């Protein structure tokens, strides 16, 4: 059974998920182009952190970070590599979009990589209706980043 719940990002049973996300972000992205947040930073006010579990085991995560009253950003979305291809990322993204709407946001944006390793993520976001946009909220043009947004 799959569940997605809002939880605290710093938990012993999430250490593997955070470590795998960190490793994936550092695999082929220069350090100056990595915009992920470590687990403790995901506990900041204005961030809603969600954990996807299958039979109680953490298999995915994602967060919504408040930019302003109408705009939020998807952060740290990750599903364990060995479980991909089952629609879990689409389910998680759908949950984040639903939660963003429930919070009253009118726009949801994100930053992801341009490298081939981010191809599936970009395709998912595009298929969900996200469109490319200029850098937002503190981001700058970067050849290793693509910025996307969705009107809610």
N, C-alpha and C. Protein backbone atom coordinates (compact mmCIF):
# COMPACT_ATOMS: atom_id res chain seq x y z
N UNK A 1 0.84 -1.18 0.00
CA UNK A 1 0.00 0.00 0.00
C UNK A 1 0.88 1.25 0.00
N UNK A 2 0.54 2.20 -0.84
CA UNK A 2 1.27 3.47 -0.95
C UNK A 2 0.56 4.55 -0.15
N UNK A 3 1.32 5.27 0.67
CA UNK A 3 0.79 6.42 1.40
C UNK A 3 1.72 7.60 1.17
N UNK A 4 1.17 8.80 1.23
CA UNK A 4 1.97 10.03 1.16
C UNK A 4 1.49 10.91 2.30
N UNK A 5 2.40 11.24 3.21
CA UNK A 5 2.03 12.04 4.37
C UNK A 5 3.04 13.16 4.60
N UNK A 6 2.57 14.23 5.22
CA UNK A 6 3.44 15.33 5.59
C UNK A 6 4.17 14.92 6.87
N UNK A 7 5.50 14.95 6.83
CA UNK A 7 6.31 14.49 7.96
C UNK A 7 7.49 15.43 8.17
N UNK A 8 8.19 15.23 9.27
CA UNK A 8 9.42 15.97 9.53
C UNK A 8 10.52 15.34 8.67
N UNK A 9 11.33 16.14 7.98
CA UNK A 9 12.34 15.59 7.08
C UNK A 9 13.54 14.93 7.76
N UNK A 10 13.77 15.23 9.03
CA UNK A 10 14.91 14.63 9.73
C UNK A 10 14.40 13.48 10.59
N UNK A 11 14.56 12.28 10.05
CA UNK A 11 14.17 11.05 10.73
C UNK A 11 15.18 9.98 10.34
N UNK A 12 15.49 9.12 11.26
CA UNK A 12 16.45 8.03 10.99
C UNK A 12 16.01 7.20 9.79
N UNK A 13 14.71 6.92 9.68
CA UNK A 13 14.24 6.05 8.60
C UNK A 13 14.18 6.75 7.24
N UNK A 14 14.57 8.01 7.19
CA UNK A 14 14.66 8.73 5.91
C UNK A 14 16.10 8.95 5.47
N UNK A 15 17.06 8.51 6.28
CA UNK A 15 18.47 8.76 5.98
C UNK A 15 18.88 8.19 4.62
N UNK A 16 18.46 6.96 4.32
CA UNK A 16 18.82 6.36 3.04
C UNK A 16 18.24 7.15 1.87
N UNK A 17 16.99 7.57 1.99
CA UNK A 17 16.33 8.34 0.94
C UNK A 17 17.07 9.65 0.68
N UNK A 18 17.41 10.36 1.75
CA UNK A 18 18.16 11.62 1.58
C UNK A 18 19.55 11.36 0.99
N UNK A 19 20.21 10.31 1.44
CA UNK A 19 21.55 9.99 0.92
C UNK A 19 21.49 9.65 -0.56
N UNK A 20 20.50 8.88 -0.97
CA UNK A 20 20.37 8.52 -2.38
C UNK A 20 20.05 9.75 -3.22
N UNK A 21 19.21 10.64 -2.71
CA UNK A 21 18.88 11.88 -3.43
C UNK A 21 20.14 12.74 -3.58
N UNK A 22 20.89 12.88 -2.51
CA UNK A 22 22.12 13.67 -2.54
C UNK A 22 23.10 13.09 -3.55
N UNK A 23 23.29 11.79 -3.54
CA UNK A 23 24.21 11.14 -4.48
C UNK A 23 23.77 11.37 -5.92
N UNK A 24 22.47 11.26 -6.18
CA UNK A 24 21.95 11.47 -7.53
C UNK A 24 22.17 12.91 -7.99
N UNK A 25 21.99 13.86 -7.09
CA UNK A 25 22.16 15.27 -7.48
C UNK A 25 23.63 15.59 -7.76
N UNK A 26 24.54 14.92 -7.08
CA UNK A 26 25.96 15.18 -7.25
C UNK A 26 26.61 14.33 -8.34
N UNK A 27 25.89 13.37 -8.89
CA UNK A 27 26.46 12.41 -9.83
C UNK A 27 27.05 13.07 -11.08
N UNK A 28 26.34 14.01 -11.67
CA UNK A 28 26.84 14.64 -12.89
C UNK A 28 26.52 16.13 -12.99
N UNK A 29 26.35 16.75 -11.82
CA UNK A 29 26.06 18.18 -11.78
C UNK A 29 27.19 18.90 -11.05
N UNK A 30 27.74 19.96 -11.66
CA UNK A 30 28.78 20.71 -10.96
C UNK A 30 28.25 21.27 -9.64
N UNK A 31 29.08 21.33 -8.61
CA UNK A 31 28.62 21.79 -7.29
C UNK A 31 27.91 23.15 -7.31
N UNK A 32 28.38 24.07 -8.15
CA UNK A 32 27.76 25.40 -8.19
C UNK A 32 26.36 25.39 -8.80
N UNK A 33 25.97 24.27 -9.41
CA UNK A 33 24.64 24.17 -10.04
C UNK A 33 23.69 23.26 -9.26
N UNK A 34 24.10 22.82 -8.08
CA UNK A 34 23.24 21.95 -7.26
C UNK A 34 22.43 22.84 -6.32
N UNK A 35 21.11 22.71 -6.41
CA UNK A 35 20.22 23.57 -5.62
C UNK A 35 19.36 22.79 -4.63
N UNK A 36 19.74 21.55 -4.35
CA UNK A 36 18.96 20.74 -3.42
C UNK A 36 19.14 21.26 -1.98
N UNK A 37 18.17 20.95 -1.16
CA UNK A 37 18.25 21.31 0.25
C UNK A 37 18.55 20.07 1.07
N UNK A 38 19.49 20.16 2.02
CA UNK A 38 19.72 19.02 2.91
C UNK A 38 18.52 18.83 3.83
N UNK A 39 18.46 17.66 4.44
CA UNK A 39 17.30 17.31 5.27
C UNK A 39 16.98 18.37 6.32
N UNK A 40 17.98 18.87 7.03
CA UNK A 40 17.68 19.84 8.08
C UNK A 40 17.12 21.14 7.53
N UNK A 41 17.54 21.54 6.33
CA UNK A 41 17.01 22.76 5.71
C UNK A 41 15.56 22.58 5.27
N UNK A 42 15.17 21.34 4.99
CA UNK A 42 13.78 21.06 4.60
C UNK A 42 12.83 21.18 5.79
N UNK A 43 13.37 21.33 7.00
CA UNK A 43 12.54 21.49 8.20
C UNK A 43 12.23 22.96 8.48
N UNK A 44 12.68 23.86 7.62
CA UNK A 44 12.48 25.29 7.83
C UNK A 44 11.01 25.68 7.73
N UNK A 45 10.64 26.76 8.40
CA UNK A 45 9.27 27.28 8.26
C UNK A 45 8.99 27.59 6.79
N UNK A 46 7.76 27.35 6.36
CA UNK A 46 7.38 27.64 4.98
C UNK A 46 7.63 26.47 4.03
N UNK A 47 8.10 25.35 4.57
CA UNK A 47 8.32 24.16 3.74
C UNK A 47 7.44 23.02 4.26
N UNK A 48 6.67 22.44 3.37
CA UNK A 48 5.88 21.25 3.68
C UNK A 48 6.60 20.08 3.05
N UNK A 49 7.01 19.09 3.86
CA UNK A 49 7.79 17.95 3.40
C UNK A 49 6.93 16.70 3.44
N UNK A 50 6.89 15.98 2.31
CA UNK A 50 6.05 14.79 2.18
C UNK A 50 6.89 13.55 1.94
N UNK A 51 6.47 12.46 2.56
CA UNK A 51 7.14 11.18 2.40
C UNK A 51 6.16 10.19 1.79
N UNK A 52 6.62 9.53 0.73
CA UNK A 52 5.86 8.45 0.12
C UNK A 52 6.39 7.15 0.72
N UNK A 53 5.48 6.33 1.21
CA UNK A 53 5.86 5.05 1.81
C UNK A 53 5.10 3.92 1.12
N UNK A 54 5.79 2.81 0.98
CA UNK A 54 5.15 1.59 0.51
C UNK A 54 5.29 0.57 1.63
N UNK A 55 4.14 0.13 2.14
CA UNK A 55 4.13 -0.80 3.27
C UNK A 55 5.00 -0.29 4.42
N UNK A 56 4.95 1.01 4.66
CA UNK A 56 5.68 1.62 5.76
C UNK A 56 7.11 2.03 5.47
N UNK A 57 7.67 1.60 4.35
CA UNK A 57 9.06 1.93 4.00
C UNK A 57 9.11 3.18 3.13
N UNK A 58 9.98 4.12 3.46
CA UNK A 58 10.12 5.35 2.69
C UNK A 58 10.69 5.03 1.31
N UNK A 59 9.94 5.40 0.26
CA UNK A 59 10.37 5.12 -1.12
C UNK A 59 10.46 6.39 -1.96
N UNK A 60 9.96 7.51 -1.43
CA UNK A 60 10.00 8.76 -2.17
C UNK A 60 9.76 9.93 -1.24
N UNK A 61 10.10 11.11 -1.76
CA UNK A 61 9.91 12.33 -0.97
C UNK A 61 9.75 13.51 -1.91
N UNK A 62 9.21 14.58 -1.38
CA UNK A 62 9.08 15.83 -2.12
C UNK A 62 8.61 16.90 -1.17
N UNK A 63 8.90 18.14 -1.52
CA UNK A 63 8.53 19.25 -0.65
C UNK A 63 7.94 20.39 -1.46
N UNK A 64 7.20 21.22 -0.76
CA UNK A 64 6.67 22.46 -1.33
C UNK A 64 7.23 23.59 -0.47
N UNK A 65 7.97 24.49 -1.09
CA UNK A 65 8.58 25.62 -0.40
C UNK A 65 7.85 26.90 -0.78
N UNK A 66 7.36 27.61 0.21
CA UNK A 66 6.65 28.87 -0.02
C UNK A 66 7.61 29.92 -0.55
N UNK A 67 7.22 30.57 -1.63
CA UNK A 67 7.95 31.73 -2.15
C UNK A 67 7.22 33.00 -1.72
N UNK A 68 5.92 33.02 -1.96
CA UNK A 68 5.06 34.10 -1.47
C UNK A 68 3.65 33.53 -1.35
N UNK A 69 2.68 34.37 -1.09
CA UNK A 69 1.32 33.89 -0.83
C UNK A 69 0.72 33.13 -2.01
N UNK A 70 1.19 33.39 -3.23
CA UNK A 70 0.60 32.75 -4.40
C UNK A 70 1.55 31.82 -5.15
N UNK A 71 2.80 31.75 -4.75
CA UNK A 71 3.81 31.02 -5.52
C UNK A 71 4.63 30.12 -4.60
N UNK A 72 4.78 28.86 -5.01
CA UNK A 72 5.59 27.91 -4.25
C UNK A 72 6.50 27.15 -5.21
N UNK A 73 7.48 26.45 -4.63
CA UNK A 73 8.47 25.72 -5.41
C UNK A 73 8.50 24.26 -4.97
N UNK A 74 8.59 23.35 -5.94
CA UNK A 74 8.82 21.93 -5.65
C UNK A 74 10.30 21.77 -5.32
N UNK A 75 10.59 21.12 -4.21
CA UNK A 75 11.98 20.86 -3.79
C UNK A 75 12.14 19.37 -3.47
N UNK A 76 13.34 18.88 -3.69
CA UNK A 76 13.78 17.55 -3.23
C UNK A 76 12.85 16.42 -3.62
N UNK A 77 12.27 16.48 -4.82
CA UNK A 77 11.43 15.37 -5.26
C UNK A 77 12.33 14.22 -5.70
N UNK A 78 12.10 13.05 -5.11
CA UNK A 78 12.95 11.89 -5.41
C UNK A 78 12.18 10.61 -5.11
N UNK A 79 12.30 9.65 -6.02
CA UNK A 79 11.79 8.29 -5.82
C UNK A 79 12.98 7.36 -5.99
N UNK A 80 13.09 6.36 -5.14
CA UNK A 80 14.21 5.43 -5.22
C UNK A 80 14.32 4.83 -6.62
N UNK A 81 15.53 4.81 -7.14
CA UNK A 81 15.79 4.38 -8.52
C UNK A 81 15.20 3.00 -8.83
N UNK A 82 15.36 2.05 -7.93
CA UNK A 82 14.91 0.69 -8.21
C UNK A 82 13.39 0.55 -8.26
N UNK A 83 12.67 1.58 -7.85
CA UNK A 83 11.20 1.53 -7.88
C UNK A 83 10.61 2.39 -8.99
N UNK A 84 11.45 3.00 -9.78
CA UNK A 84 10.95 3.85 -10.87
C UNK A 84 10.32 3.00 -11.96
N UNK A 85 9.44 3.65 -12.73
CA UNK A 85 8.74 2.96 -13.80
C UNK A 85 7.38 2.41 -13.37
N UNK A 86 6.99 2.68 -12.14
CA UNK A 86 5.71 2.20 -11.60
C UNK A 86 4.69 3.32 -11.45
N UNK A 87 5.05 4.53 -11.87
CA UNK A 87 4.12 5.66 -11.73
C UNK A 87 4.18 6.34 -10.37
N UNK A 88 5.16 5.98 -9.55
CA UNK A 88 5.25 6.58 -8.21
C UNK A 88 5.59 8.07 -8.27
N UNK A 89 6.47 8.46 -9.17
CA UNK A 89 6.84 9.88 -9.28
C UNK A 89 5.63 10.70 -9.72
N UNK A 90 4.85 10.19 -10.66
CA UNK A 90 3.64 10.90 -11.10
C UNK A 90 2.66 11.02 -9.94
N UNK A 91 2.52 9.95 -9.16
CA UNK A 91 1.64 9.99 -7.99
C UNK A 91 2.11 11.03 -6.98
N UNK A 92 3.41 11.06 -6.73
CA UNK A 92 3.98 12.01 -5.78
C UNK A 92 3.81 13.44 -6.29
N UNK A 93 4.11 13.67 -7.56
CA UNK A 93 3.94 15.01 -8.13
C UNK A 93 2.48 15.44 -8.04
N UNK A 94 1.57 14.54 -8.36
CA UNK A 94 0.14 14.86 -8.25
C UNK A 94 -0.24 15.27 -6.84
N UNK A 95 0.33 14.58 -5.87
CA UNK A 95 0.06 14.92 -4.47
C UNK A 95 0.60 16.32 -4.14
N UNK A 96 1.81 16.63 -4.60
CA UNK A 96 2.38 17.95 -4.33
C UNK A 96 1.54 19.05 -4.97
N UNK A 97 1.08 18.82 -6.19
CA UNK A 97 0.23 19.81 -6.87
C UNK A 97 -1.08 19.99 -6.11
N UNK A 98 -1.68 18.90 -5.69
CA UNK A 98 -2.93 18.97 -4.93
C UNK A 98 -2.73 19.73 -3.62
N UNK A 99 -1.65 19.45 -2.92
CA UNK A 99 -1.37 20.14 -1.66
C UNK A 99 -1.09 21.62 -1.89
N UNK A 100 -0.38 21.94 -2.97
CA UNK A 100 -0.11 23.36 -3.28
C UNK A 100 -1.42 24.10 -3.54
N UNK A 101 -2.32 23.48 -4.27
CA UNK A 101 -3.63 24.10 -4.50
C UNK A 101 -4.38 24.30 -3.17
N UNK A 102 -4.35 23.28 -2.33
CA UNK A 102 -5.04 23.35 -1.05
C UNK A 102 -4.48 24.45 -0.16
N UNK A 103 -3.19 24.74 -0.32
CA UNK A 103 -2.54 25.81 0.45
C UNK A 103 -2.85 27.19 -0.14
N UNK A 104 -3.52 27.23 -1.29
CA UNK A 104 -3.91 28.50 -1.90
C UNK A 104 -2.92 29.06 -2.91
N UNK A 105 -1.90 28.30 -3.24
CA UNK A 105 -0.94 28.78 -4.24
C UNK A 105 -1.59 28.78 -5.63
N UNK A 106 -1.20 29.74 -6.43
CA UNK A 106 -1.70 29.84 -7.80
C UNK A 106 -0.65 29.44 -8.83
N UNK A 107 0.59 29.26 -8.37
CA UNK A 107 1.68 28.91 -9.27
C UNK A 107 2.66 28.02 -8.51
N UNK A 108 3.13 26.99 -9.20
CA UNK A 108 4.09 26.05 -8.63
C UNK A 108 5.25 25.95 -9.62
N UNK A 109 6.46 26.23 -9.16
CA UNK A 109 7.63 26.24 -10.03
C UNK A 109 8.67 25.26 -9.52
N UNK A 110 9.68 25.00 -10.34
CA UNK A 110 10.75 24.09 -9.95
C UNK A 110 11.99 24.36 -10.78
N UNK A 111 13.10 23.85 -10.28
CA UNK A 111 14.38 23.85 -11.00
C UNK A 111 14.81 22.41 -11.10
N UNK A 112 15.26 22.00 -12.28
CA UNK A 112 15.80 20.66 -12.46
C UNK A 112 16.99 20.73 -13.40
N UNK A 113 17.68 19.64 -13.55
CA UNK A 113 18.90 19.63 -14.35
C UNK A 113 18.66 19.48 -15.84
N UNK A 114 19.66 19.88 -16.62
CA UNK A 114 19.62 19.75 -18.08
C UNK A 114 20.31 18.47 -18.55
N UNK A 115 21.04 17.80 -17.65
CA UNK A 115 21.78 16.61 -18.01
C UNK A 115 20.82 15.47 -18.37
N UNK A 116 21.35 14.48 -19.12
CA UNK A 116 20.54 13.33 -19.52
C UNK A 116 19.93 12.61 -18.32
N UNK A 117 20.63 12.59 -17.20
CA UNK A 117 20.12 11.90 -16.01
C UNK A 117 18.83 12.52 -15.48
N UNK A 118 18.52 13.74 -15.89
CA UNK A 118 17.29 14.42 -15.46
C UNK A 118 16.20 14.35 -16.54
N UNK A 119 16.47 13.63 -17.62
CA UNK A 119 15.52 13.56 -18.74
C UNK A 119 14.15 13.04 -18.35
N UNK A 120 14.10 11.98 -17.55
CA UNK A 120 12.80 11.43 -17.12
C UNK A 120 12.04 12.44 -16.26
N UNK A 121 12.76 13.15 -15.41
CA UNK A 121 12.10 14.15 -14.56
C UNK A 121 11.53 15.28 -15.41
N UNK A 122 12.32 15.77 -16.37
CA UNK A 122 11.82 16.84 -17.25
C UNK A 122 10.59 16.36 -18.02
N UNK A 123 10.63 15.14 -18.53
CA UNK A 123 9.49 14.59 -19.28
C UNK A 123 8.25 14.49 -18.39
N UNK A 124 8.45 14.06 -17.15
CA UNK A 124 7.32 13.98 -16.21
C UNK A 124 6.70 15.36 -16.00
N UNK A 125 7.53 16.35 -15.72
CA UNK A 125 7.02 17.69 -15.46
C UNK A 125 6.29 18.25 -16.68
N UNK A 126 6.87 18.06 -17.86
CA UNK A 126 6.22 18.53 -19.09
C UNK A 126 4.88 17.82 -19.30
N UNK A 127 4.83 16.52 -19.06
CA UNK A 127 3.59 15.77 -19.26
C UNK A 127 2.52 16.18 -18.26
N UNK A 128 2.93 16.74 -17.14
CA UNK A 128 1.99 17.18 -16.11
C UNK A 128 1.48 18.60 -16.38
N UNK A 129 2.08 19.27 -17.38
CA UNK A 129 1.63 20.62 -17.73
C UNK A 129 2.58 21.73 -17.35
N UNK A 130 3.70 21.40 -16.72
CA UNK A 130 4.71 22.42 -16.43
C UNK A 130 5.29 22.90 -17.76
N UNK A 131 5.63 24.18 -17.81
CA UNK A 131 6.27 24.76 -18.99
C UNK A 131 7.55 25.45 -18.56
N UNK A 132 8.50 25.53 -19.47
CA UNK A 132 9.75 26.22 -19.14
C UNK A 132 9.47 27.69 -18.88
N UNK A 133 10.26 28.26 -17.98
CA UNK A 133 10.10 29.66 -17.59
C UNK A 133 11.48 30.22 -17.27
N UNK A 134 11.58 31.54 -17.13
CA UNK A 134 12.86 32.12 -16.72
C UNK A 134 13.17 31.76 -15.27
N UNK A 135 14.42 31.95 -14.85
CA UNK A 135 14.77 31.72 -13.44
C UNK A 135 13.86 32.54 -12.53
N UNK A 136 13.56 32.01 -11.37
CA UNK A 136 12.67 32.67 -10.41
C UNK A 136 13.33 32.68 -9.04
N UNK A 137 12.82 33.48 -8.15
CA UNK A 137 13.17 33.54 -6.72
C UNK A 137 14.62 33.19 -6.38
N UNK A 138 15.53 34.04 -6.81
CA UNK A 138 16.92 33.87 -6.42
C UNK A 138 17.76 33.01 -7.34
N UNK A 139 17.15 32.34 -8.29
CA UNK A 139 17.92 31.57 -9.27
C UNK A 139 18.46 32.51 -10.34
N UNK A 140 19.50 32.06 -11.00
CA UNK A 140 20.10 32.82 -12.10
C UNK A 140 20.21 31.90 -13.31
N UNK A 141 20.36 32.45 -14.49
CA UNK A 141 20.57 31.58 -15.66
C UNK A 141 21.76 30.65 -15.40
N UNK A 142 21.60 29.38 -15.79
CA UNK A 142 22.62 28.37 -15.54
C UNK A 142 22.48 27.31 -16.63
N UNK A 143 23.54 27.01 -17.36
CA UNK A 143 23.42 26.01 -18.42
C UNK A 143 23.09 24.61 -17.91
N UNK A 144 23.23 24.38 -16.61
CA UNK A 144 22.91 23.08 -16.02
C UNK A 144 21.52 23.03 -15.40
N UNK A 145 20.74 24.10 -15.53
CA UNK A 145 19.42 24.16 -14.94
C UNK A 145 18.37 24.52 -15.97
N UNK A 146 17.20 23.95 -15.79
CA UNK A 146 16.01 24.36 -16.52
C UNK A 146 14.97 24.70 -15.45
N UNK A 147 14.23 25.76 -15.69
CA UNK A 147 13.22 26.25 -14.75
C UNK A 147 11.85 26.01 -15.39
N UNK A 148 10.92 25.55 -14.58
CA UNK A 148 9.58 25.22 -15.08
C UNK A 148 8.53 25.73 -14.09
N UNK A 149 7.34 25.98 -14.63
CA UNK A 149 6.27 26.48 -13.78
C UNK A 149 4.93 25.92 -14.26
N UNK A 150 3.98 25.86 -13.33
CA UNK A 150 2.64 25.37 -13.59
C UNK A 150 1.65 26.34 -12.95
N UNK A 151 0.71 26.83 -13.73
CA UNK A 151 -0.35 27.65 -13.17
C UNK A 151 -1.39 26.70 -12.57
N UNK A 152 -1.73 26.94 -11.31
CA UNK A 152 -2.66 26.03 -10.60
C UNK A 152 -4.11 26.50 -10.74
